[in-house]
C-alpha cells in the first residue's frame, strides 16, 4: 500500500521511541492519567443517565448498570490516587 501512496513508512523502532517519550516524565504520565480520568468521568455520567432511564421493572439491567458504575468509580479513584 505504501508503494501506491508514495509515502514513506515510519520505522517501527522510531514509532516505539516516540510512544515511550510520551510517558517519559512524571508530568506527562500524570497528564495522560488525568485525560483518561476525564474520559472515564464522561462514561460514568453516561452510565448513570442510562441507569436512571431504565424502567424499574428491568431489575437486572439496573443491577448491571450499578455494578458498572461502581467499577468505574473504583477505577477513577485508583487513577487519581496513583498521580
PDB file of N, CA and C in Angstrom:
ATOM      1  N   UNK A   1       0.820  -1.176   0.000  1.00  0.00           N
ATOM      2  CA  UNK A   1       0.000   0.000   0.000  1.00  0.00           C
ATOM      3  C   UNK A   1       0.868   1.245   0.000  1.00  0.00           C
ATOM      4  N   UNK A   2       1.976   1.190   0.702  1.00  0.00           N
ATOM      5  CA  UNK A   2       2.880   2.337   0.755  1.00  0.00           C
ATOM      6  C   UNK A   2       3.434   2.650  -0.625  1.00  0.00           C
ATOM      7  N   UNK A   3       3.647   1.613  -1.418  1.00  0.00           N
ATOM      8  CA  UNK A   3       4.165   1.803  -2.772  1.00  0.00           C
ATOM      9  C   UNK A   3       3.231   2.701  -3.586  1.00  0.00           C
ATOM     10  N   UNK A   4       1.939   2.533  -3.385  1.00  0.00           N
ATOM     11  CA  UNK A   4       0.949   3.273  -4.154  1.00  0.00           C
ATOM     12  C   UNK A   4       0.706   4.682  -3.622  1.00  0.00           C
ATOM     13  N   UNK A   5       0.948   4.890  -2.362  1.00  0.00           N
ATOM     14  CA  UNK A   5       0.662   6.192  -1.776  1.00  0.00           C
ATOM     15  C   UNK A   5       1.847   7.153  -1.839  1.00  0.00           C
ATOM     16  N   UNK A   6       2.999   6.681  -2.253  1.00  0.00           N
ATOM     17  CA  UNK A   6       4.224   7.483  -2.305  1.00  0.00           C
ATOM     18  C   UNK A   6       4.601   8.062  -0.944  1.00  0.00           C
ATOM     19  N   UNK A   7       4.180   7.412   0.107  1.00  0.00           N
ATOM     20  CA  UNK A   7       4.526   7.841   1.454  1.00  0.00           C
ATOM     21  C   UNK A   7       5.617   6.932   1.995  1.00  0.00           C
ATOM     22  N   UNK A   8       6.424   7.513   2.832  1.00  0.00           N
ATOM     23  CA  UNK A   8       7.482   6.726   3.446  1.00  0.00           C
ATOM     24  C   UNK A   8       6.953   6.111   4.742  1.00  0.00           C
ATOM     25  N   UNK A   9       7.290   4.877   4.933  1.00  0.00           N
ATOM     26  CA  UNK A   9       6.877   4.199   6.160  1.00  0.00           C
ATOM     27  C   UNK A   9       7.773   4.635   7.300  1.00  0.00           C
ATOM     28  N   UNK A  10       7.145   4.889   8.442  1.00  0.00           N
ATOM     29  CA  UNK A  10       7.915   5.241   9.623  1.00  0.00           C
ATOM     30  C   UNK A  10       8.433   3.946  10.234  1.00  0.00           C
ATOM     31  N   UNK A  11       9.738   3.867  10.479  1.00  0.00           N
ATOM     32  CA  UNK A  11      10.279   2.639  11.067  1.00  0.00           C
ATOM     33  C   UNK A  11       9.610   2.336  12.402  1.00  0.00           C
ATOM     34  N   UNK A  12       9.369   1.052  12.667  1.00  0.00           N
ATOM     35  CA  UNK A  12       8.675   0.669  13.889  1.00  0.00           C
ATOM     36  C   UNK A  12       9.461   1.054  15.132  1.00  0.00           C
ATOM     37  N   UNK A  13      10.772   0.967  15.066  1.00  0.00           N
ATOM     38  CA  UNK A  13      11.580   1.336  16.228  1.00  0.00           C
ATOM     39  C   UNK A  13      11.408   2.806  16.553  1.00  0.00           C
ATOM     40  N   UNK A  14      11.363   3.634  15.529  1.00  0.00           N
ATOM     41  CA  UNK A  14      11.198   5.072  15.742  1.00  0.00           C
ATOM     42  C   UNK A  14       9.830   5.361  16.357  1.00  0.00           C
ATOM     43  N   UNK A  15       8.821   4.651  15.898  1.00  0.00           N
ATOM     44  CA  UNK A  15       7.483   4.841  16.435  1.00  0.00           C
ATOM     45  C   UNK A  15       7.436   4.431  17.904  1.00  0.00           C
ATOM     46  N   UNK A  16       8.080   3.336  18.267  1.00  0.00           N
ATOM     47  CA  UNK A  16       8.111   2.892  19.656  1.00  0.00           C
ATOM     48  C   UNK A  16       8.827   3.908  20.530  1.00  0.00           C
ATOM     49  N   UNK A  17       9.904   4.511  20.030  1.00  0.00           N
ATOM     50  CA  UNK A  17      10.634   5.526  20.788  1.00  0.00           C
ATOM     51  C   UNK A  17       9.736   6.724  21.024  1.00  0.00           C
ATOM     52  N   UNK A  18       8.976   7.129  20.001  1.00  0.00           N
ATOM     53  CA  UNK A  18       8.057   8.256  20.161  1.00  0.00           C
ATOM     54  C   UNK A  18       6.987   7.949  21.198  1.00  0.00           C
ATOM     55  N   UNK A  19       6.473   6.720  21.202  1.00  0.00           N
ATOM     56  CA  UNK A  19       5.480   6.333  22.184  1.00  0.00           C
ATOM     57  C   UNK A  19       6.055   6.358  23.596  1.00  0.00           C
ATOM     58  N   UNK A  20       7.283   5.913  23.748  1.00  0.00           N
ATOM     59  CA  UNK A  20       7.931   5.910  25.055  1.00  0.00           C
ATOM     60  C   UNK A  20       8.156   7.337  25.538  1.00  0.00           C
ATOM     61  N   UNK A  21       8.525   8.234  24.643  1.00  0.00           N
ATOM     62  CA  UNK A  21       8.770   9.626  25.024  1.00  0.00           C
ATOM     63  C   UNK A  21       7.499  10.331  25.480  1.00  0.00           C
ATOM     64  N   UNK A  22       6.347   9.822  25.077  1.00  0.00           N
ATOM     65  CA  UNK A  22       5.092  10.407  25.524  1.00  0.00           C
ATOM     66  C   UNK A  22       4.891  10.212  27.019  1.00  0.00           C
ATOM     67  N   UNK A  23       5.566   9.227  27.589  1.00  0.00           N
ATOM     68  CA  UNK A  23       5.393   8.896  29.007  1.00  0.00           C
ATOM     69  C   UNK A  23       6.702   8.958  29.784  1.00  0.00           C
ATOM     70  N   UNK A  24       7.674   9.658  29.273  1.00  0.00           N
ATOM     71  CA  UNK A  24       8.995   9.579  29.900  1.00  0.00           C
ATOM     72  C   UNK A  24       9.160  10.443  31.149  1.00  0.00           C
ATOM     73  N   UNK A  25       8.227  11.338  31.427  1.00  0.00           N
ATOM     74  CA  UNK A  25       8.317  12.124  32.656  1.00  0.00           C
ATOM     75  C   UNK A  25       7.064  11.921  33.490  1.00  0.00           C
ATOM     76  N   UNK A  26       7.199  12.157  34.762  1.00  0.00           N
ATOM     77  CA  UNK A  26       6.052  12.011  35.667  1.00  0.00           C
ATOM     78  C   UNK A  26       4.939  12.983  35.286  1.00  0.00           C
ATOM     79  N   UNK A  27       5.309  14.180  34.891  1.00  0.00           N
ATOM     80  CA  UNK A  27       4.319  15.184  34.496  1.00  0.00           C
ATOM     81  C   UNK A  27       3.499  14.693  33.302  1.00  0.00           C
ATOM     82  N   UNK A  28       4.148  14.089  32.322  1.00  0.00           N
ATOM     83  CA  UNK A  28       3.447  13.577  31.148  1.00  0.00           C
ATOM     84  C   UNK A  28       2.529  12.416  31.529  1.00  0.00           C
ATOM     85  N   UNK A  29       3.010  11.555  32.412  1.00  0.00           N
ATOM     86  CA  UNK A  29       2.185  10.427  32.850  1.00  0.00           C
ATOM     87  C   UNK A  29       0.963  10.919  33.623  1.00  0.00           C
ATOM     88  N   UNK A  30       1.164  11.934  34.448  1.00  0.00           N
ATOM     89  CA  UNK A  30       0.053  12.500  35.207  1.00  0.00           C
ATOM     90  C   UNK A  30      -0.971  13.128  34.266  1.00  0.00           C
ATOM     91  N   UNK A  31      -0.499  13.820  33.251  1.00  0.00           N
ATOM     92  CA  UNK A  31      -1.391  14.432  32.278  1.00  0.00           C
ATOM     93  C   UNK A  31      -2.204  13.361  31.536  1.00  0.00           C
ATOM     94  N   UNK A  32      -1.545  12.284  31.162  1.00  0.00           N
ATOM     95  CA  UNK A  32      -2.236  11.195  30.465  1.00  0.00           C
ATOM     96  C   UNK A  32      -3.298  10.574  31.369  1.00  0.00           C
ATOM     97  N   UNK A  33      -2.953  10.309  32.623  1.00  0.00           N
ATOM     98  CA  UNK A  33      -3.935   9.705  33.530  1.00  0.00           C
ATOM     99  C   UNK A  33      -5.077  10.668  33.822  1.00  0.00           C
ATOM    100  N   UNK A  34      -4.794  11.972  33.880  1.00  0.00           N
ATOM    101  CA  UNK A  34      -5.868  12.953  34.072  1.00  0.00           C
ATOM    102  C   UNK A  34      -6.822  12.951  32.884  1.00  0.00           C
ATOM    103  N   UNK A  35      -6.277  12.840  31.680  1.00  0.00           N
ATOM    104  CA  UNK A  35      -7.131  12.780  30.487  1.00  0.00           C
ATOM    105  C   UNK A  35      -7.983  11.515  30.489  1.00  0.00           C
ATOM    106  N   UNK A  36      -7.382  10.416  30.886  1.00  0.00           N
ATOM    107  CA  UNK A  36      -8.136   9.164  30.972  1.00  0.00           C
ATOM    108  C   UNK A  36      -9.238   9.290  32.021  1.00  0.00           C
ATOM    109  N   UNK A  37      -8.921   9.913  33.148  1.00  0.00           N
ATOM    110  CA  UNK A  37      -9.919  10.102  34.205  1.00  0.00           C
ATOM    111  C   UNK A  37     -11.082  10.960  33.714  1.00  0.00           C
ATOM    112  N   UNK A  38     -10.773  11.999  32.953  1.00  0.00           N
ATOM    113  CA  UNK A  38     -11.834  12.855  32.404  1.00  0.00           C
ATOM    114  C   UNK A  38     -12.753  12.055  31.490  1.00  0.00           C
ATOM    115  N   UNK A  39     -12.157  11.225  30.648  1.00  0.00           N
ATOM    116  CA  UNK A  39     -12.958  10.398  29.746  1.00  0.00           C
ATOM    117  C   UNK A  39     -13.791   9.388  30.532  1.00  0.00           C
ATOM    118  N   UNK A  40     -13.199   8.795  31.552  1.00  0.00           N
ATOM    119  CA  UNK A  40     -13.941   7.833  32.370  1.00  0.00           C
ATOM    120  C   UNK A  40     -15.082   8.510  33.120  1.00  0.00           C
ATOM    121  N   UNK A  41     -14.874   9.755  33.538  1.00  0.00           N
ATOM    122  CA  UNK A  41     -15.954  10.502  34.191  1.00  0.00           C
ATOM    123  C   UNK A  41     -17.108  10.745  33.227  1.00  0.00           C
ATOM    124  N   UNK A  42     -16.793  10.998  31.970  1.00  0.00           N
ATOM    125  CA  UNK A  42     -17.842  11.155  30.966  1.00  0.00           C
ATOM    126  C   UNK A  42     -18.609   9.847  30.772  1.00  0.00           C
ATOM    127  N   UNK A  43     -17.869   8.744  30.737  1.00  0.00           N
ATOM    128  CA  UNK A  43     -18.507   7.433  30.616  1.00  0.00           C
ATOM    129  C   UNK A  43     -19.370   7.174  31.852  1.00  0.00           C
ATOM    130  N   UNK A  44     -18.861   7.534  33.011  1.00  0.00           N
ATOM    131  CA  UNK A  44     -19.605   7.353  34.260  1.00  0.00           C
ATOM    132  C   UNK A  44     -20.914   8.139  34.232  1.00  0.00           C
ATOM    133  N   UNK A  45     -20.860   9.395  33.803  1.00  0.00           N
ATOM    134  CA  UNK A  45     -22.073  10.203  33.722  1.00  0.00           C
ATOM    135  C   UNK A  45     -23.086   9.582  32.762  1.00  0.00           C
ATOM    136  N   UNK A  46     -22.597   9.106  31.634  1.00  0.00           N
ATOM    137  CA  UNK A  46     -23.490   8.475  30.656  1.00  0.00           C
ATOM    138  C   UNK A  46     -24.108   7.204  31.231  1.00  0.00           C
ATOM    139  N   UNK A  47     -23.326   6.444  31.962  1.00  0.00           N
ATOM    140  CA  UNK A  47     -23.841   5.203  32.562  1.00  0.00           C
ATOM    141  C   UNK A  47     -24.879   5.516  33.637  1.00  0.00           C
ATOM    142  N   UNK A  48     -24.649   6.580  34.400  1.00  0.00           N
ATOM    143  CA  UNK A  48     -25.628   6.982  35.413  1.00  0.00           C
ATOM    144  C   UNK A  48     -26.935   7.435  34.761  1.00  0.00           C
ATOM    145  N   UNK A  49     -26.839   8.170  33.660  1.00  0.00           N
ATOM    146  CA  UNK A  49     -28.034   8.584  32.931  1.00  0.00           C
ATOM    147  C   UNK A  49     -28.773   7.363  32.384  1.00  0.00           C
ATOM    148  N   UNK A  50     -28.006   6.411  31.874  1.00  0.00           N
ATOM    149  CA  UNK A  50     -28.596   5.168  31.369  1.00  0.00           C
ATOM    150  C   UNK A  50     -29.341   4.443  32.491  1.00  0.00           C
ATOM    151  N   UNK A  51     -28.688   4.316  33.641  1.00  0.00           N
ATOM    152  CA  UNK A  51     -29.303   3.625  34.781  1.00  0.00           C
ATOM    153  C   UNK A  51     -30.588   4.328  35.218  1.00  0.00           C
ATOM    154  N   UNK A  52     -30.550   5.650  35.261  1.00  0.00           N
ATOM    155  CA  UNK A  52     -31.715   6.408  35.700  1.00  0.00           C
ATOM    156  C   UNK A  52     -32.882   6.305  34.720  1.00  0.00           C
ATOM    157  N   UNK A  53     -32.586   6.010  33.466  1.00  0.00           N
ATOM    158  CA  UNK A  53     -33.638   5.914  32.452  1.00  0.00           C
ATOM    159  C   UNK A  53     -34.228   4.506  32.331  1.00  0.00           C
ATOM    160  N   UNK A  54     -33.643   3.552  33.037  1.00  0.00           N
ATOM    161  CA  UNK A  54     -34.133   2.174  32.955  1.00  0.00           C
ATOM    162  C   UNK A  54     -35.422   2.054  33.776  1.00  0.00           C
ATOM    163  N   UNK A  55     -36.479   1.500  33.185  1.00  0.00           N
ATOM    164  CA  UNK A  55     -37.707   1.281  33.954  1.00  0.00           C
ATOM    165  C   UNK A  55     -37.451   0.336  35.126  1.00  0.00           C
ATOM    166  N   UNK A  56     -38.162   0.571  36.210  1.00  0.00           N
ATOM    167  CA  UNK A  56     -37.950  -0.204  37.431  1.00  0.00           C
ATOM    168  C   UNK A  56     -38.174  -1.702  37.223  1.00  0.00           C
ATOM    169  N   UNK A  57     -38.979  -2.054  36.250  1.00  0.00           N
ATOM    170  CA  UNK A  57     -39.286  -3.470  36.028  1.00  0.00           C
ATOM    171  C   UNK A  57     -38.086  -4.262  35.495  1.00  0.00           C
ATOM    172  N   UNK A  58     -37.079  -3.561  34.983  1.00  0.00           N
ATOM    173  CA  UNK A  58     -35.881  -4.230  34.466  1.00  0.00           C
ATOM    174  C   UNK A  58     -34.785  -4.246  35.536  1.00  0.00           C
ATOM    175  N   UNK A  59     -35.021  -4.995  36.570  1.00  0.00           N
ATOM    176  CA  UNK A  59     -34.118  -5.037  37.722  1.00  0.00           C
ATOM    177  C   UNK A  59     -32.718  -5.496  37.321  1.00  0.00           C
ATOM    178  N   UNK A  60     -32.625  -6.482  36.443  1.00  0.00           N
ATOM    179  CA  UNK A  60     -31.314  -6.997  36.040  1.00  0.00           C
ATOM    180  C   UNK A  60     -30.470  -5.917  35.365  1.00  0.00           C
ATOM    181  N   UNK A  61     -31.091  -5.127  34.522  1.00  0.00           N
ATOM    182  CA  UNK A  61     -30.350  -4.052  33.848  1.00  0.00           C
ATOM    183  C   UNK A  61     -29.881  -3.003  34.842  1.00  0.00           C
ATOM    184  N   UNK A  62     -30.734  -2.697  35.802  1.00  0.00           N
ATOM    185  CA  UNK A  62     -30.355  -1.703  36.822  1.00  0.00           C
ATOM    186  C   UNK A  62     -29.169  -2.212  37.624  1.00  0.00           C
ATOM    187  N   UNK A  63     -29.208  -3.473  38.027  1.00  0.00           N
ATOM    188  CA  UNK A  63     -28.105  -4.056  38.797  1.00  0.00           C
ATOM    189  C   UNK A  63     -26.808  -4.048  37.995  1.00  0.00           C
ATOM    190  N   UNK A  64     -26.893  -4.384  36.721  1.00  0.00           N
ATOM    191  CA  UNK A  64     -25.709  -4.382  35.863  1.00  0.00           C
ATOM    192  C   UNK A  64     -25.143  -2.974  35.737  1.00  0.00           C
ATOM    193  N   UNK A  65     -26.008  -1.997  35.547  1.00  0.00           N
ATOM    194  CA  UNK A  65     -25.565  -0.610  35.436  1.00  0.00           C
ATOM    195  C   UNK A  65     -24.915  -0.149  36.739  1.00  0.00           C
ATOM    196  N   UNK A  66     -25.490  -0.526  37.863  1.00  0.00           N
ATOM    197  CA  UNK A  66     -24.917  -0.139  39.160  1.00  0.00           C
ATOM    198  C   UNK A  66     -23.550  -0.780  39.377  1.00  0.00           C
ATOM    199  N   UNK A  67     -23.394  -2.023  38.958  1.00  0.00           N
ATOM    200  CA  UNK A  67     -22.084  -2.678  39.053  1.00  0.00           C
ATOM    201  C   UNK A  67     -21.056  -1.963  38.179  1.00  0.00           C
ATOM    202  N   UNK A  68     -21.474  -1.590  36.983  1.00  0.00           N
ATOM    203  CA  UNK A  68     -20.581  -0.868  36.074  1.00  0.00           C
ATOM    204  C   UNK A  68     -20.184   0.469  36.676  1.00  0.00           C
ATOM    205  N   UNK A  69     -21.145   1.166  37.248  1.00  0.00           N
ATOM    206  CA  UNK A  69     -20.867   2.466  37.878  1.00  0.00           C
ATOM    207  C   UNK A  69     -19.874   2.295  39.015  1.00  0.00           C
ATOM    208  N   UNK A  70     -20.078   1.284  39.827  1.00  0.00           N
ATOM    209  CA  UNK A  70     -19.169   1.031  40.952  1.00  0.00           C
ATOM    210  C   UNK A  70     -17.741   0.762  40.456  1.00  0.00           C
ATOM    211  N   UNK A  71     -17.615  -0.041  39.413  1.00  0.00           N
ATOM    212  CA  UNK A  71     -16.293  -0.343  38.856  1.00  0.00           C
ATOM    213  C   UNK A  71     -15.640   0.908  38.266  1.00  0.00           C
ATOM    214  N   UNK A  72     -16.431   1.732  37.598  1.00  0.00           N
ATOM    215  CA  UNK A  72     -15.881   2.976  37.039  1.00  0.00           C
ATOM    216  C   UNK A  72     -15.399   3.915  38.143  1.00  0.00           C
ATOM    217  N   UNK A  73     -16.186   4.031  39.194  1.00  0.00           N
ATOM    218  CA  UNK A  73     -15.788   4.888  40.320  1.00  0.00           C
ATOM    219  C   UNK A  73     -14.490   4.377  40.939  1.00  0.00           C
ATOM    220  N   UNK A  74     -14.386   3.074  41.133  1.00  0.00           N
ATOM    221  CA  UNK A  74     -13.163   2.488  41.690  1.00  0.00           C
ATOM    222  C   UNK A  74     -11.958   2.759  40.785  1.00  0.00           C
ATOM    223  N   UNK A  75     -12.167   2.616  39.488  1.00  0.00           N
ATOM    224  CA  UNK A  75     -11.080   2.847  38.535  1.00  0.00           C
ATOM    225  C   UNK A  75     -10.634   4.298  38.555  1.00  0.00           C
ATOM    226  N   UNK A  76     -11.584   5.212  38.550  1.00  0.00           N
ATOM    227  CA  UNK A  76     -11.251   6.641  38.577  1.00  0.00           C
ATOM    228  C   UNK A  76     -10.504   6.991  39.867  1.00  0.00           C
ATOM    229  N   UNK A  77     -10.984   6.450  40.978  1.00  0.00           N
ATOM    230  CA  UNK A  77     -10.310   6.707  42.264  1.00  0.00           C
ATOM    231  C   UNK A  77      -8.884   6.154  42.263  1.00  0.00           C
ATOM    232  N   UNK A  78      -8.703   4.991  41.688  1.00  0.00           N
ATOM    233  CA  UNK A  78      -7.358   4.397  41.628  1.00  0.00           C
ATOM    234  C   UNK A  78      -6.411   5.258  40.792  1.00  0.00           C
ATOM    235  N   UNK A  79      -6.900   5.741  39.652  1.00  0.00           N
ATOM    236  CA  UNK A  79      -6.063   6.615  38.823  1.00  0.00           C
ATOM    237  C   UNK A  79      -5.732   7.910  39.542  1.00  0.00           C
ATOM    238  N   UNK A  80      -6.704   8.455  40.231  1.00  0.00           N
ATOM    239  CA  UNK A  80      -6.498   9.712  40.950  1.00  0.00           C
ATOM    240  C   UNK A  80      -5.471   9.527  42.076  1.00  0.00           C
ATOM    241  N   UNK A  81      -5.559   8.399  42.758  1.00  0.00           N
ATOM    242  CA  UNK A  81      -4.619   8.122  43.834  1.00  0.00           C
ATOM    243  C   UNK A  81      -3.201   7.867  43.302  1.00  0.00           C
ATOM    244  N   UNK A  82      -3.112   7.310  42.121  1.00  0.00           N
ATOM    245  CA  UNK A  82      -1.797   6.986  41.551  1.00  0.00           C
ATOM    246  C   UNK A  82      -0.999   8.256  41.262  1.00  0.00           C
ATOM    247  N   UNK A  83      -1.683   9.296  40.803  1.00  0.00           N
ATOM    248  CA  UNK A  83      -0.995  10.556  40.494  1.00  0.00           C
ATOM    249  C   UNK A  83      -1.718  11.694  41.156  1.00  0.00           C
TER     250      UNK A  83
END
